[in-house]
Amino acid sequence: MITTVTSVTTLANGAMAYGFGILATLMLIGFLIAKELCGAAASSSGPDRRLSLAGSLDRALNVVIIPFLVVFTAIVIDKVVKILR
């Protein structure tokens, strides 16, 4: 009985981690797209780039993107280690 519960719990945790990995990757892609769009809009606004909303969002998105890059790197390393075993 305990073995069945443990194996089911392990499978559920693995599926949940896989789902979080996909969600984190999709969010990283979305934030990178938003950063590119804000950077393009800010560069077209001229010399007052820092004062524009797009310029501010371009800089502020770095705060969100960097942790997602760390998570993405951890996911990639985990997948490579699993493949190499």
C-alpha atoms as a PDB file:
ATOM      1  CA  MET A   1       0.000   0.000   0.000  1.00  0.00           C
ATOM      2  CA  ILE A   2       2.757   2.461   0.904  1.00  0.00           C
ATOM      3  CA  THR A   3       4.669   1.583  -2.258  1.00  0.00           C
ATOM      4  CA  THR A   4       1.650   2.374  -4.434  1.00  0.00           C
ATOM      5  CA  VAL A   5       1.061   5.715  -2.742  1.00  0.00           C
ATOM      6  CA  THR A   6       4.734   6.630  -3.000  1.00  0.00           C
ATOM      7  CA  SER A   7       4.966   5.781  -6.695  1.00  0.00           C
ATOM      8  CA  VAL A   8       1.772   7.702  -7.485  1.00  0.00           C
ATOM      9  CA  THR A   9       3.076  10.709  -5.534  1.00  0.00           C
ATOM     10  CA  THR A  10       6.372  10.545  -7.410  1.00  0.00           C
ATOM     11  CA  LEU A  11       4.580  10.446 -10.761  1.00  0.00           C
ATOM     12  CA  ALA A  12       2.364  13.373  -9.781  1.00  0.00           C
ATOM     13  CA  ASN A  13       5.364  15.446  -8.666  1.00  0.00           C
ATOM     14  CA  GLY A  14       7.191  14.667 -11.907  1.00  0.00           C
ATOM     15  CA  ALA A  15       4.202  15.688 -14.014  1.00  0.00           C
ATOM     16  CA  MET A  16       3.767  18.881 -12.003  1.00  0.00           C
ATOM     17  CA  ALA A  17       7.461  19.775 -12.408  1.00  0.00           C
ATOM     18  CA  TYR A  18       7.196  19.130 -16.150  1.00  0.00           C
ATOM     19  CA  GLY A  19       4.169  21.439 -16.328  1.00  0.00           C
ATOM     20  CA  PHE A  20       5.965  24.178 -14.405  1.00  0.00           C
ATOM     21  CA  GLY A  21       8.937  23.853 -16.744  1.00  0.00           C
ATOM     22  CA  ILE A  22       6.740  24.364 -19.787  1.00  0.00           C
ATOM     23  CA  LEU A  23       4.977  27.300 -18.127  1.00  0.00           C
ATOM     24  CA  ALA A  24       8.285  28.943 -17.179  1.00  0.00           C
ATOM     25  CA  THR A  25       9.634  28.507 -20.708  1.00  0.00           C
ATOM     26  CA  LEU A  26       6.510  29.994 -22.292  1.00  0.00           C
ATOM     27  CA  MET A  27       6.566  32.931 -19.883  1.00  0.00           C
ATOM     28  CA  LEU A  28      10.250  33.548 -20.664  1.00  0.00           C
ATOM     29  CA  ILE A  29       9.445  33.617 -24.390  1.00  0.00           C
ATOM     30  CA  GLY A  30       6.576  36.046 -23.768  1.00  0.00           C
ATOM     31  CA  PHE A  31       8.705  38.385 -21.663  1.00  0.00           C
ATOM     32  CA  LEU A  32      11.523  38.325 -24.243  1.00  0.00           C
ATOM     33  CA  ILE A  33       9.028  39.247 -26.975  1.00  0.00           C
ATOM     34  CA  ALA A  34       7.654  42.084 -24.834  1.00  0.00           C
ATOM     35  CA  LYS A  35      11.189  43.347 -24.155  1.00  0.00           C
ATOM     36  CA  GLU A  36      12.023  43.371 -27.861  1.00  0.00           C
ATOM     37  CA  LEU A  37       8.826  45.248 -28.699  1.00  0.00           C
ATOM     38  CA  CYS A  38       9.413  47.806 -25.939  1.00  0.00           C
ATOM     39  CA  GLY A  39      13.044  48.238 -26.995  1.00  0.00           C
ATOM     40  CA  ALA A  40      12.020  48.839 -30.602  1.00  0.00           C
ATOM     41  CA  ALA A  41       9.361  51.335 -29.577  1.00  0.00           C
ATOM     42  CA  ALA A  42      11.772  53.122 -27.246  1.00  0.00           C
ATOM     43  CA  SER A  43      14.499  53.390 -29.876  1.00  0.00           C
ATOM     44  CA  SER A  44      12.063  54.899 -32.357  1.00  0.00           C
ATOM     45  CA  SER A  45      10.969  57.533 -29.824  1.00  0.00           C
ATOM     46  CA  GLY A  46      14.236  59.446 -30.192  1.00  0.00           C
ATOM     47  CA  PRO A  47      16.605  60.942 -27.633  1.00  0.00           C
ATOM     48  CA  ASP A  48      14.100  60.985 -24.743  1.00  0.00           C
ATOM     49  CA  ARG A  49      14.162  57.193 -24.565  1.00  0.00           C
ATOM     50  CA  ARG A  50      14.503  57.055 -20.770  1.00  0.00           C
ATOM     51  CA  LEU A  51      11.435  59.221 -20.270  1.00  0.00           C
ATOM     52  CA  SER A  52       9.122  57.140 -22.426  1.00  0.00           C
ATOM     53  CA  LEU A  53       6.916  54.351 -21.111  1.00  0.00           C
ATOM     54  CA  ALA A  54       8.415  51.886 -23.582  1.00  0.00           C
ATOM     55  CA  GLY A  55      11.934  52.719 -22.392  1.00  0.00           C
ATOM     56  CA  SER A  56      10.937  52.224 -18.776  1.00  0.00           C
ATOM     57  CA  LEU A  57       9.291  48.893 -19.561  1.00  0.00           C
ATOM     58  CA  ASP A  58      12.335  47.839 -21.560  1.00  0.00           C
ATOM     59  CA  ARG A  59      14.555  48.312 -18.498  1.00  0.00           C
ATOM     60  CA  ALA A  60      12.015  46.944 -16.010  1.00  0.00           C
ATOM     61  CA  LEU A  61      11.533  43.697 -17.933  1.00  0.00           C
ATOM     62  CA  ASN A  62      15.148  42.790 -17.144  1.00  0.00           C
ATOM     63  CA  VAL A  63      14.079  42.272 -13.534  1.00  0.00           C
ATOM     64  CA  VAL A  64      11.606  39.631 -14.676  1.00  0.00           C
ATOM     65  CA  ILE A  65      13.676  38.038 -17.433  1.00  0.00           C
ATOM     66  CA  ILE A  66      16.842  37.295 -15.463  1.00  0.00           C
ATOM     67  CA  PRO A  67      15.201  34.908 -12.932  1.00  0.00           C
ATOM     68  CA  PHE A  68      13.393  33.140 -15.762  1.00  0.00           C
ATOM     69  CA  LEU A  69      16.720  32.702 -17.557  1.00  0.00           C
ATOM     70  CA  VAL A  70      18.125  31.088 -14.414  1.00  0.00           C
ATOM     71  CA  VAL A  71      15.154  28.704 -14.252  1.00  0.00           C
ATOM     72  CA  PHE A  72      15.459  27.928 -17.971  1.00  0.00           C
ATOM     73  CA  THR A  73      19.171  27.177 -17.550  1.00  0.00           C
ATOM     74  CA  ALA A  74      18.396  24.822 -14.663  1.00  0.00           C
ATOM     75  CA  ILE A  75      15.774  23.040 -16.783  1.00  0.00           C
ATOM     76  CA  VAL A  76      18.201  22.618 -19.678  1.00  0.00           C
ATOM     77  CA  ILE A  77      20.965  21.310 -17.399  1.00  0.00           C
ATOM     78  CA  ASP A  78      18.530  18.863 -15.806  1.00  0.00           C
ATOM     79  CA  LYS A  79      17.395  17.576 -19.205  1.00  0.00           C
ATOM     80  CA  VAL A  80      20.976  17.175 -20.456  1.00  0.00           C
ATOM     81  CA  VAL A  81      21.998  15.293 -17.301  1.00  0.00           C
ATOM     82  CA  LYS A  82      19.003  12.963 -17.674  1.00  0.00           C
ATOM     83  CA  ILE A  83      19.905  12.287 -21.307  1.00  0.00           C
ATOM     84  CA  LEU A  84      23.553  11.575 -20.511  1.00  0.00           C
ATOM     85  CA  ARG A  85      22.749   8.999 -17.798  1.00  0.00           C
END
